[in-house]
């Protein structure tokens, strides 16, 4: 939940063009507007055109956030189902031991 909250806040500020201390590009002091999938990091427009990222797959921040939010929710759902299954096993074992 904290990761999503930080990502949402970063996305909102990046779309508004705000650079907040510690959340903008450390090198260029530009807003982080794209996400480099190859490196798994948010980058600014200047970094996007650099040699380091030119050949990498990049997507806009809101798209990256939506994609990762979906992945997180899918993993969370799987964990909830596994927890429910384990609680069911626990309950059966407790009944059997009584």
PDB file of N, CA and C in Angstrom:
ATOM      1  N   UNK A   1       0.822  -1.187   0.000  1.00  0.00           N
ATOM      2  CA  UNK A   1       0.000   0.000   0.000  1.00  0.00           C
ATOM      3  C   UNK A   1       0.869   1.255   0.000  1.00  0.00           C
ATOM      4  N   UNK A   2       1.959   1.209   0.769  1.00  0.00           N
ATOM      5  CA  UNK A   2       2.852   2.376   0.800  1.00  0.00           C
ATOM      6  C   UNK A   2       3.498   2.603  -0.555  1.00  0.00           C
ATOM      7  N   UNK A   3       3.884   1.523  -1.237  1.00  0.00           N
ATOM      8  CA  UNK A   3       4.500   1.650  -2.559  1.00  0.00           C
ATOM      9  C   UNK A   3       3.527   2.298  -3.527  1.00  0.00           C
ATOM     10  N   UNK A   4       2.279   1.849  -3.506  1.00  0.00           N
ATOM     11  CA  UNK A   4       1.274   2.440  -4.386  1.00  0.00           C
ATOM     12  C   UNK A   4       1.045   3.907  -4.060  1.00  0.00           C
ATOM     13  N   UNK A   5       1.017   4.241  -2.780  1.00  0.00           N
ATOM     14  CA  UNK A   5       0.803   5.627  -2.384  1.00  0.00           C
ATOM     15  C   UNK A   5       1.934   6.524  -2.886  1.00  0.00           C
ATOM     16  N   UNK A   6       3.175   6.073  -2.728  1.00  0.00           N
ATOM     17  CA  UNK A   6       4.319   6.852  -3.203  1.00  0.00           C
ATOM     18  C   UNK A   6       4.287   6.971  -4.723  1.00  0.00           C
ATOM     19  N   UNK A   7       3.958   5.880  -5.396  1.00  0.00           N
ATOM     20  CA  UNK A   7       3.897   5.902  -6.857  1.00  0.00           C
ATOM     21  C   UNK A   7       2.810   6.851  -7.352  1.00  0.00           C
ATOM     22  N   UNK A   8       1.660   6.839  -6.702  1.00  0.00           N
ATOM     23  CA  UNK A   8       0.580   7.752  -7.087  1.00  0.00           C
ATOM     24  C   UNK A   8       0.997   9.205  -6.887  1.00  0.00           C
ATOM     25  N   UNK A   9       1.622   9.473  -5.748  1.00  0.00           N
ATOM     26  CA  UNK A   9       2.056  10.832  -5.457  1.00  0.00           C
ATOM     27  C   UNK A   9       3.103  11.288  -6.469  1.00  0.00           C
ATOM     28  N   UNK A  10       4.041  10.393  -6.790  1.00  0.00           N
ATOM     29  CA  UNK A  10       5.069  10.713  -7.767  1.00  0.00           C
ATOM     30  C   UNK A  10       4.455  10.951  -9.132  1.00  0.00           C
ATOM     31  N   UNK A  11       3.500  10.106  -9.507  1.00  0.00           N
ATOM     32  CA  UNK A  11       2.833  10.252 -10.790  1.00  0.00           C
ATOM     33  C   UNK A  11       2.097  11.579 -10.881  1.00  0.00           C
ATOM     34  N   UNK A  12       1.371  11.921  -9.844  1.00  0.00           N
ATOM     35  CA  UNK A  12       0.618  13.170  -9.837  1.00  0.00           C
ATOM     36  C   UNK A  12       1.543  14.362  -9.983  1.00  0.00           C
ATOM     37  N   UNK A  13       2.623  14.354  -9.251  1.00  0.00           N
ATOM     38  CA  UNK A  13       3.576  15.468  -9.322  1.00  0.00           C
ATOM     39  C   UNK A  13       4.284  15.500 -10.668  1.00  0.00           C
ATOM     40  N   UNK A  14       4.613  14.339 -11.220  1.00  0.00           N
ATOM     41  CA  UNK A  14       5.295  14.297 -12.514  1.00  0.00           C
ATOM     42  C   UNK A  14       4.389  14.803 -13.627  1.00  0.00           C
ATOM     43  N   UNK A  15       3.102  14.454 -13.573  1.00  0.00           N
ATOM     44  CA  UNK A  15       2.187  14.917 -14.619  1.00  0.00           C
ATOM     45  C   UNK A  15       1.948  16.413 -14.519  1.00  0.00           C
ATOM     46  N   UNK A  16       2.063  16.959 -13.312  1.00  0.00           N
ATOM     47  CA  UNK A  16       1.916  18.404 -13.140  1.00  0.00           C
ATOM     48  C   UNK A  16       3.209  19.135 -13.449  1.00  0.00           C
ATOM     49  N   UNK A  17       4.303  18.380 -13.636  1.00  0.00           N
ATOM     50  CA  UNK A  17       5.585  19.002 -13.933  1.00  0.00           C
ATOM     51  C   UNK A  17       6.320  19.501 -12.707  1.00  0.00           C
ATOM     52  N   UNK A  18       5.895  19.083 -11.536  1.00  0.00           N
ATOM     53  CA  UNK A  18       6.545  19.514 -10.305  1.00  0.00           C
ATOM     54  C   UNK A  18       7.787  18.673 -10.047  1.00  0.00           C
ATOM     55  N   UNK A  19       8.807  19.302  -9.530  1.00  0.00           N
ATOM     56  CA  UNK A  19       9.980  18.568  -9.072  1.00  0.00           C
ATOM     57  C   UNK A  19      10.095  18.806  -7.583  1.00  0.00           C
ATOM     58  N   UNK A  20       9.928  17.753  -6.824  1.00  0.00           N
ATOM     59  CA  UNK A  20      10.013  17.834  -5.376  1.00  0.00           C
ATOM     60  C   UNK A  20      11.366  17.279  -4.982  1.00  0.00           C
ATOM     61  N   UNK A  21      12.003  17.895  -4.013  1.00  0.00           N
ATOM     62  CA  UNK A  21      13.323  17.454  -3.572  1.00  0.00           C
ATOM     63  C   UNK A  21      13.336  15.950  -3.350  1.00  0.00           C
ATOM     64  N   UNK A  22      14.257  15.272  -3.995  1.00  0.00           N
ATOM     65  CA  UNK A  22      14.380  13.830  -3.848  1.00  0.00           C
ATOM     66  C   UNK A  22      13.476  13.040  -4.768  1.00  0.00           C
ATOM     67  N   UNK A  23      12.579  13.680  -5.507  1.00  0.00           N
ATOM     68  CA  UNK A  23      11.681  12.944  -6.386  1.00  0.00           C
ATOM     69  C   UNK A  23      11.895  13.294  -7.855  1.00  0.00           C
ATOM     70  N   UNK A  24      12.710  14.285  -8.150  1.00  0.00           N
ATOM     71  CA  UNK A  24      13.030  14.625  -9.532  1.00  0.00           C
ATOM     72  C   UNK A  24      14.307  13.916  -9.937  1.00  0.00           C
ATOM     73  N   UNK A  25      14.697  14.130 -11.173  1.00  0.00           N
ATOM     74  CA  UNK A  25      15.944  13.544 -11.661  1.00  0.00           C
ATOM     75  C   UNK A  25      17.104  14.176 -10.898  1.00  0.00           C
ATOM     76  N   UNK A  26      17.899  13.355 -10.263  1.00  0.00           N
ATOM     77  CA  UNK A  26      19.023  13.864  -9.486  1.00  0.00           C
ATOM     78  C   UNK A  26      20.066  14.528 -10.382  1.00  0.00           C
ATOM     79  N   UNK A  27      20.161  14.043 -11.606  1.00  0.00           N
ATOM     80  CA  UNK A  27      21.183  14.547 -12.514  1.00  0.00           C
ATOM     81  C   UNK A  27      20.767  15.843 -13.206  1.00  0.00           C
ATOM     82  N   UNK A  28      19.528  15.893 -13.671  1.00  0.00           N
ATOM     83  CA  UNK A  28      19.081  17.021 -14.491  1.00  0.00           C
ATOM     84  C   UNK A  28      18.068  17.936 -13.808  1.00  0.00           C
ATOM     85  N   UNK A  29      17.587  17.545 -12.627  1.00  0.00           N
ATOM     86  CA  UNK A  29      16.579  18.326 -11.895  1.00  0.00           C
ATOM     87  C   UNK A  29      15.314  18.528 -12.721  1.00  0.00           C
ATOM     88  N   UNK A  30      14.972  17.516 -13.475  1.00  0.00           N
ATOM     89  CA  UNK A  30      13.771  17.526 -14.316  1.00  0.00           C
ATOM     90  C   UNK A  30      12.740  16.581 -13.701  1.00  0.00           C
ATOM     91  N   UNK A  31      11.456  16.791 -14.021  1.00  0.00           N
ATOM     92  CA  UNK A  31      10.431  15.859 -13.533  1.00  0.00           C
ATOM     93  C   UNK A  31      10.594  14.479 -14.168  1.00  0.00           C
ATOM     94  N   UNK A  32      10.274  13.462 -13.411  1.00  0.00           N
ATOM     95  CA  UNK A  32      10.355  12.081 -13.893  1.00  0.00           C
ATOM     96  C   UNK A  32       9.063  11.771 -14.628  1.00  0.00           C
ATOM     97  N   UNK A  33       9.132  11.757 -15.944  1.00  0.00           N
ATOM     98  CA  UNK A  33       7.915  11.616 -16.746  1.00  0.00           C
ATOM     99  C   UNK A  33       7.743  10.254 -17.397  1.00  0.00           C
ATOM    100  N   UNK A  34       8.810   9.450 -17.462  1.00  0.00           N
ATOM    101  CA  UNK A  34       8.711   8.129 -18.082  1.00  0.00           C
ATOM    102  C   UNK A  34       9.360   7.083 -17.186  1.00  0.00           C
ATOM    103  N   UNK A  35       8.973   5.831 -17.423  1.00  0.00           N
ATOM    104  CA  UNK A  35       9.497   4.698 -16.675  1.00  0.00           C
ATOM    105  C   UNK A  35      10.278   3.817 -17.628  1.00  0.00           C
ATOM    106  N   UNK A  36      11.538   3.561 -17.323  1.00  0.00           N
ATOM    107  CA  UNK A  36      12.379   2.679 -18.130  1.00  0.00           C
ATOM    108  C   UNK A  36      12.145   1.249 -17.649  1.00  0.00           C
ATOM    109  N   UNK A  37      11.532   0.442 -18.512  1.00  0.00           N
ATOM    110  CA  UNK A  37      11.237  -0.941 -18.131  1.00  0.00           C
ATOM    111  C   UNK A  37      12.507  -1.780 -18.027  1.00  0.00           C
ATOM    112  N   UNK A  38      13.491  -1.485 -18.857  1.00  0.00           N
ATOM    113  CA  UNK A  38      14.727  -2.269 -18.830  1.00  0.00           C
ATOM    114  C   UNK A  38      15.478  -2.104 -17.510  1.00  0.00           C
ATOM    115  N   UNK A  39      15.502  -0.870 -16.985  1.00  0.00           N
ATOM    116  CA  UNK A  39      16.210  -0.603 -15.745  1.00  0.00           C
ATOM    117  C   UNK A  39      15.283  -0.595 -14.536  1.00  0.00           C
ATOM    118  N   UNK A  40      13.964  -0.553 -14.767  1.00  0.00           N
ATOM    119  CA  UNK A  40      13.003  -0.537 -13.670  1.00  0.00           C
ATOM    120  C   UNK A  40      13.070   0.739 -12.860  1.00  0.00           C
ATOM    121  N   UNK A  41      13.226   1.875 -13.536  1.00  0.00           N
ATOM    122  CA  UNK A  41      13.360   3.137 -12.832  1.00  0.00           C
ATOM    123  C   UNK A  41      12.652   4.263 -13.572  1.00  0.00           C
ATOM    124  N   UNK A  42      12.247   5.287 -12.819  1.00  0.00           N
ATOM    125  CA  UNK A  42      11.652   6.471 -13.415  1.00  0.00           C
ATOM    126  C   UNK A  42      12.787   7.362 -13.921  1.00  0.00           C
ATOM    127  N   UNK A  43      12.606   7.949 -15.104  1.00  0.00           N
ATOM    128  CA  UNK A  43      13.637   8.818 -15.671  1.00  0.00           C
ATOM    129  C   UNK A  43      13.003  10.080 -16.244  1.00  0.00           C
ATOM    130  N   UNK A  44      13.827  11.099 -16.433  1.00  0.00           N
ATOM    131  CA  UNK A  44      13.350  12.354 -17.012  1.00  0.00           C
ATOM    132  C   UNK A  44      13.501  12.310 -18.534  1.00  0.00           C
ATOM    133  N   UNK A  45      13.008  13.337 -19.206  1.00  0.00           N
ATOM    134  CA  UNK A  45      13.072  13.399 -20.669  1.00  0.00           C
ATOM    135  C   UNK A  45      14.508  13.488 -21.164  1.00  0.00           C
ATOM    136  N   UNK A  46      15.360  14.160 -20.431  1.00  0.00           N
ATOM    137  CA  UNK A  46      16.765  14.277 -20.831  1.00  0.00           C
ATOM    138  C   UNK A  46      17.447  12.922 -20.743  1.00  0.00           C
ATOM    139  N   UNK A  47      17.216  12.211 -19.660  1.00  0.00           N
ATOM    140  CA  UNK A  47      17.787  10.863 -19.514  1.00  0.00           C
ATOM    141  C   UNK A  47      17.262   9.927 -20.602  1.00  0.00           C
ATOM    142  N   UNK A  48      16.007  10.108 -20.981  1.00  0.00           N
ATOM    143  CA  UNK A  48      15.389   9.261 -22.015  1.00  0.00           C
ATOM    144  C   UNK A  48      16.154   9.335 -23.319  1.00  0.00           C
ATOM    145  N   UNK A  49      16.688  10.495 -23.630  1.00  0.00           N
ATOM    146  CA  UNK A  49      17.423  10.680 -24.883  1.00  0.00           C
ATOM    147  C   UNK A  49      18.899  10.347 -24.762  1.00  0.00           C
ATOM    148  N   UNK A  50      19.373  10.059 -23.578  1.00  0.00           N
ATOM    149  CA  UNK A  50      20.786   9.728 -23.393  1.00  0.00           C
ATOM    150  C   UNK A  50      21.078   8.336 -23.935  1.00  0.00           C
ATOM    151  N   UNK A  51      22.350   8.054 -24.135  1.00  0.00           N
ATOM    152  CA  UNK A  51      22.760   6.735 -24.643  1.00  0.00           C
ATOM    153  C   UNK A  51      22.339   5.615 -23.709  1.00  0.00           C
ATOM    154  N   UNK A  52      22.321   5.917 -22.423  1.00  0.00           N
ATOM    155  CA  UNK A  52      22.018   4.892 -21.423  1.00  0.00           C
ATOM    156  C   UNK A  52      20.613   4.327 -21.574  1.00  0.00           C
ATOM    157  N   UNK A  53      19.669   5.126 -22.078  1.00  0.00           N
ATOM    158  CA  UNK A  53      18.273   4.680 -22.151  1.00  0.00           C
ATOM    159  C   UNK A  53      17.681   4.727 -23.553  1.00  0.00           C
ATOM    160  N   UNK A  54      18.418   5.222 -24.519  1.00  0.00           N
ATOM    161  CA  UNK A  54      17.870   5.429 -25.865  1.00  0.00           C
ATOM    162  C   UNK A  54      17.256   4.158 -26.459  1.00  0.00           C
ATOM    163  N   UNK A  55      17.898   3.028 -26.281  1.00  0.00           N
ATOM    164  CA  UNK A  55      17.410   1.773 -26.865  1.00  0.00           C
ATOM    165  C   UNK A  55      16.481   0.999 -25.928  1.00  0.00           C
ATOM    166  N   UNK A  56      16.223   1.549 -24.762  1.00  0.00           N
ATOM    167  CA  UNK A  56      15.382   0.857 -23.783  1.00  0.00           C
ATOM    168  C   UNK A  56      13.897   1.082 -24.050  1.00  0.00           C
ATOM    169  N   UNK A  57      13.094   0.178 -23.517  1.00  0.00           N
ATOM    170  CA  UNK A  57      11.636   0.300 -23.595  1.00  0.00           C
ATOM    171  C   UNK A  57      11.203   1.224 -22.472  1.00  0.00           C
ATOM    172  N   UNK A  58      10.529   2.330 -22.837  1.00  0.00           N
ATOM    173  CA  UNK A  58      10.034   3.266 -21.832  1.00  0.00           C
ATOM    174  C   UNK A  58       8.545   3.489 -22.044  1.00  0.00           C
ATOM    175  N   UNK A  59       7.851   3.760 -20.948  1.00  0.00           N
ATOM    176  CA  UNK A  59       6.413   4.048 -21.003  1.00  0.00           C
ATOM    177  C   UNK A  59       6.143   5.259 -20.114  1.00  0.00           C
ATOM    178  N   UNK A  60       5.062   5.985 -20.392  1.00  0.00           N
ATOM    179  CA  UNK A  60       4.707   7.105 -19.523  1.00  0.00           C
ATOM    180  C   UNK A  60       4.435   6.619 -18.095  1.00  0.00           C
ATOM    181  N   UNK A  61       4.702   7.468 -17.127  1.00  0.00           N
ATOM    182  CA  UNK A  61       4.539   7.117 -15.713  1.00  0.00           C
ATOM    183  C   UNK A  61       3.138   6.578 -15.418  1.00  0.00           C
ATOM    184  N   UNK A  62       2.061   7.245 -15.863  1.00  0.00           N
ATOM    185  CA  UNK A  62       0.728   6.703 -15.528  1.00  0.00           C
ATOM    186  C   UNK A  62       0.502   5.286 -16.066  1.00  0.00           C
ATOM    187  N   UNK A  63       1.027   4.991 -17.254  1.00  0.00           N
ATOM    188  CA  UNK A  63       0.877   3.646 -17.812  1.00  0.00           C
ATOM    189  C   UNK A  63       1.643   2.620 -16.984  1.00  0.00           C
ATOM    190  N   UNK A  64       2.857   2.979 -16.580  1.00  0.00           N
ATOM    191  CA  UNK A  64       3.666   2.069 -15.766  1.00  0.00           C
ATOM    192  C   UNK A  64       2.989   1.826 -14.423  1.00  0.00           C
ATOM    193  N   UNK A  65       2.452   2.889 -13.837  1.00  0.00           N
ATOM    194  CA  UNK A  65       1.777   2.745 -12.551  1.00  0.00           C
ATOM    195  C   UNK A  65       0.568   1.829 -12.664  1.00  0.00           C
ATOM    196  N   UNK A  66      -0.193   1.990 -13.718  1.00  0.00           N
ATOM    197  CA  UNK A  66      -1.379   1.153 -13.920  1.00  0.00           C
ATOM    198  C   UNK A  66      -0.989  -0.307 -14.108  1.00  0.00           C
ATOM    199  N   UNK A  67       0.064  -0.535 -14.895  1.00  0.00           N
ATOM    200  CA  UNK A  67       0.523  -1.906 -15.146  1.00  0.00           C
ATOM    201  C   UNK A  67       0.982  -2.574 -13.853  1.00  0.00           C
ATOM    202  N   UNK A  68       1.817  -1.885 -13.085  1.00  0.00           N
ATOM    203  CA  UNK A  68       2.329  -2.463 -11.855  1.00  0.00           C
ATOM    204  C   UNK A  68       1.250  -2.563 -10.790  1.00  0.00           C
ATOM    205  N   UNK A  69       0.317  -1.647 -10.795  1.00  0.00           N
ATOM    206  CA  UNK A  69      -0.805  -1.724  -9.856  1.00  0.00           C
ATOM    207  C   UNK A  69      -1.599  -2.998 -10.128  1.00  0.00           C
ATOM    208  N   UNK A  70      -1.831  -3.299 -11.405  1.00  0.00           N
ATOM    209  CA  UNK A  70      -2.534  -4.526 -11.772  1.00  0.00           C
ATOM    210  C   UNK A  70      -1.786  -5.758 -11.315  1.00  0.00           C
ATOM    211  N   UNK A  71      -0.466  -5.752 -11.499  1.00  0.00           N
ATOM    212  CA  UNK A  71       0.347  -6.889 -11.069  1.00  0.00           C
ATOM    213  C   UNK A  71       0.303  -7.060  -9.551  1.00  0.00           C
ATOM    214  N   UNK A  72       0.394  -5.955  -8.845  1.00  0.00           N
ATOM    215  CA  UNK A  72       0.357  -6.011  -7.382  1.00  0.00           C
ATOM    216  C   UNK A  72      -0.993  -6.546  -6.909  1.00  0.00           C
ATOM    217  N   UNK A  73      -2.074  -6.084  -7.526  1.00  0.00           N
ATOM    218  CA  UNK A  73      -3.399  -6.544  -7.135  1.00  0.00           C
ATOM    219  C   UNK A  73      -3.578  -8.032  -7.428  1.00  0.00           C
ATOM    220  N   UNK A  74      -3.023  -8.515  -8.538  1.00  0.00           N
ATOM    221  CA  UNK A  74      -3.114  -9.940  -8.864  1.00  0.00           C
ATOM    222  C   UNK A  74      -2.356 -10.771  -7.829  1.00  0.00           C
ATOM    223  N   UNK A  75      -1.152 -10.319  -7.452  1.00  0.00           N
ATOM    224  CA  UNK A  75      -0.380 -11.030  -6.437  1.00  0.00           C
ATOM    225  C   UNK A  75      -1.085 -10.985  -5.084  1.00  0.00           C
ATOM    226  N   UNK A  76      -1.673  -9.863  -4.774  1.00  0.00           N
ATOM    227  CA  UNK A  76      -2.394  -9.720  -3.513  1.00  0.00           C
ATOM    228  C   UNK A  76      -3.584 -10.673  -3.462  1.00  0.00           C
ATOM    229  N   UNK A  77      -4.307 -10.785  -4.559  1.00  0.00           N
ATOM    230  CA  UNK A  77      -5.448 -11.690  -4.612  1.00  0.00           C
ATOM    231  C   UNK A  77      -4.993 -13.139  -4.422  1.00  0.00           C
ATOM    232  N   UNK A  78      -3.885 -13.503  -5.060  1.00  0.00           N
ATOM    233  CA  UNK A  78      -3.359 -14.866  -4.912  1.00  0.00           C
ATOM    234  C   UNK A  78      -2.957 -15.127  -3.464  1.00  0.00           C
ATOM    235  N   UNK A  79      -2.338 -14.140  -2.831  1.00  0.00           N
ATOM    236  CA  UNK A  79      -1.948 -14.297  -1.428  1.00  0.00           C
ATOM    237  C   UNK A  79      -3.156 -14.412  -0.512  1.00  0.00           C
ATOM    238  N   UNK A  80      -4.205 -13.654  -0.787  1.00  0.00           N
ATOM    239  CA  UNK A  80      -5.428 -13.745   0.014  1.00  0.00           C
ATOM    240  C   UNK A  80      -6.054 -15.123  -0.105  1.00  0.00           C
ATOM    241  N   UNK A  81      -6.077 -15.657  -1.322  1.00  0.00           N
ATOM    242  CA  UNK A  81      -6.646 -16.988  -1.527  1.00  0.00           C
ATOM    243  C   UNK A  81      -5.820 -18.043  -0.800  1.00  0.00           C
ATOM    244  N   UNK A  82      -4.498 -17.903  -0.857  1.00  0.00           N
ATOM    245  CA  UNK A  82      -3.619 -18.844  -0.163  1.00  0.00           C
ATOM    246  C   UNK A  82      -3.813 -18.742   1.351  1.00  0.00           C
ATOM    247  N   UNK A  83      -3.963 -17.524   1.867  1.00  0.00           N
ATOM    248  CA  UNK A  83      -4.202 -17.327   3.295  1.00  0.00           C
ATOM    249  C   UNK A  83      -5.512 -17.991   3.715  1.00  0.00           C
ATOM    250  N   UNK A  84      -6.564 -17.794   2.918  1.00  0.00           N
ATOM    251  CA  UNK A  84      -7.856 -18.405   3.235  1.00  0.00           C
ATOM    252  C   UNK A  84      -7.756 -19.925   3.251  1.00  0.00           C
ATOM    253  N   UNK A  85      -7.004 -20.469   2.308  1.00  0.00           N
ATOM    254  CA  UNK A  85      -6.828 -21.915   2.250  1.00  0.00           C
ATOM    255  C   UNK A  85      -6.074 -22.407   3.491  1.00  0.00           C
ATOM    256  N   UNK A  86      -5.023 -21.694   3.871  1.00  0.00           N
ATOM    257  CA  UNK A  86      -4.257 -22.087   5.054  1.00  0.00           C
ATOM    258  C   UNK A  86      -5.092 -21.963   6.332  1.00  0.00           C
ATOM    259  N   UNK A  87      -5.911 -20.930   6.423  1.00  0.00           N
ATOM    260  CA  UNK A  87      -6.789 -20.790   7.587  1.00  0.00           C
ATOM    261  C   UNK A  87      -7.799 -21.932   7.645  1.00  0.00           C
ATOM    262  N   UNK A  88      -8.254 -22.373   6.480  1.00  0.00           N
ATOM    263  CA  UNK A  88      -9.161 -23.519   6.433  1.00  0.00           C
ATOM    264  C   UNK A  88      -8.480 -24.778   6.930  1.00  0.00           C
ATOM    265  N   UNK A  89      -7.245 -25.008   6.501  1.00  0.00           N
ATOM    266  CA  UNK A  89      -6.488 -26.167   6.975  1.00  0.00           C
ATOM    267  C   UNK A  89      -6.277 -26.101   8.480  1.00  0.00           C
ATOM    268  N   UNK A  90      -5.964 -24.912   8.957  1.00  0.00           N
ATOM    269  CA  UNK A  90      -5.741 -24.723  10.393  1.00  0.00           C
ATOM    270  C   UNK A  90      -7.002 -25.055  11.178  1.00  0.00           C
ATOM    271  N   UNK A  91      -8.134 -24.582  10.690  1.00  0.00           N
ATOM    272  CA  UNK A  91      -9.393 -24.834  11.374  1.00  0.00           C
ATOM    273  C   UNK A  91      -9.702 -26.331  11.409  1.00  0.00           C
ATOM    274  N   UNK A  92      -9.482 -27.018  10.302  1.00  0.00           N
ATOM    275  CA  UNK A  92      -9.724 -28.469  10.252  1.00  0.00           C
ATOM    276  C   UNK A  92      -8.821 -29.195  11.243  1.00  0.00           C
ATOM    277  N   UNK A  93      -7.558 -28.793  11.302  1.00  0.00           N
ATOM    278  CA  UNK A  93      -6.623 -29.441  12.226  1.00  0.00           C
ATOM    279  C   UNK A  93      -6.987 -29.161  13.685  1.00  0.00           C
ATOM    280  N   UNK A  94      -7.438 -27.950  13.950  1.00  0.00           N
ATOM    281  CA  UNK A  94      -7.842 -27.618  15.334  1.00  0.00           C
ATOM    282  C   UNK A  94      -9.057 -28.432  15.743  1.00  0.00           C
ATOM    283  N   UNK A  95     -10.026 -28.587  14.843  1.00  0.00           N
ATOM    284  CA  UNK A  95     -11.206 -29.397  15.146  1.00  0.00           C
ATOM    285  C   UNK A  95     -10.818 -30.859  15.387  1.00  0.00           C
ATOM    286  N   UNK A  96      -9.895 -31.339  14.565  1.00  0.00           N
ATOM    287  CA  UNK A  96      -9.484 -32.724  14.684  1.00  0.00           C
ATOM    288  C   UNK A  96      -8.741 -32.958  16.002  1.00  0.00           C
ATOM    289  N   UNK A  97      -7.944 -31.985  16.428  1.00  0.00           N
ATOM    290  CA  UNK A  97      -7.187 -32.153  17.670  1.00  0.00           C
ATOM    291  C   UNK A  97      -8.075 -32.065  18.906  1.00  0.00           C
ATOM    292  N   UNK A  98      -9.214 -31.363  18.794  1.00  0.00           N
ATOM    293  CA  UNK A  98     -10.145 -31.273  19.927  1.00  0.00           C
ATOM    294  C   UNK A  98     -10.826 -32.593  20.123  1.00  0.00           C
TER     295      UNK A  98
END
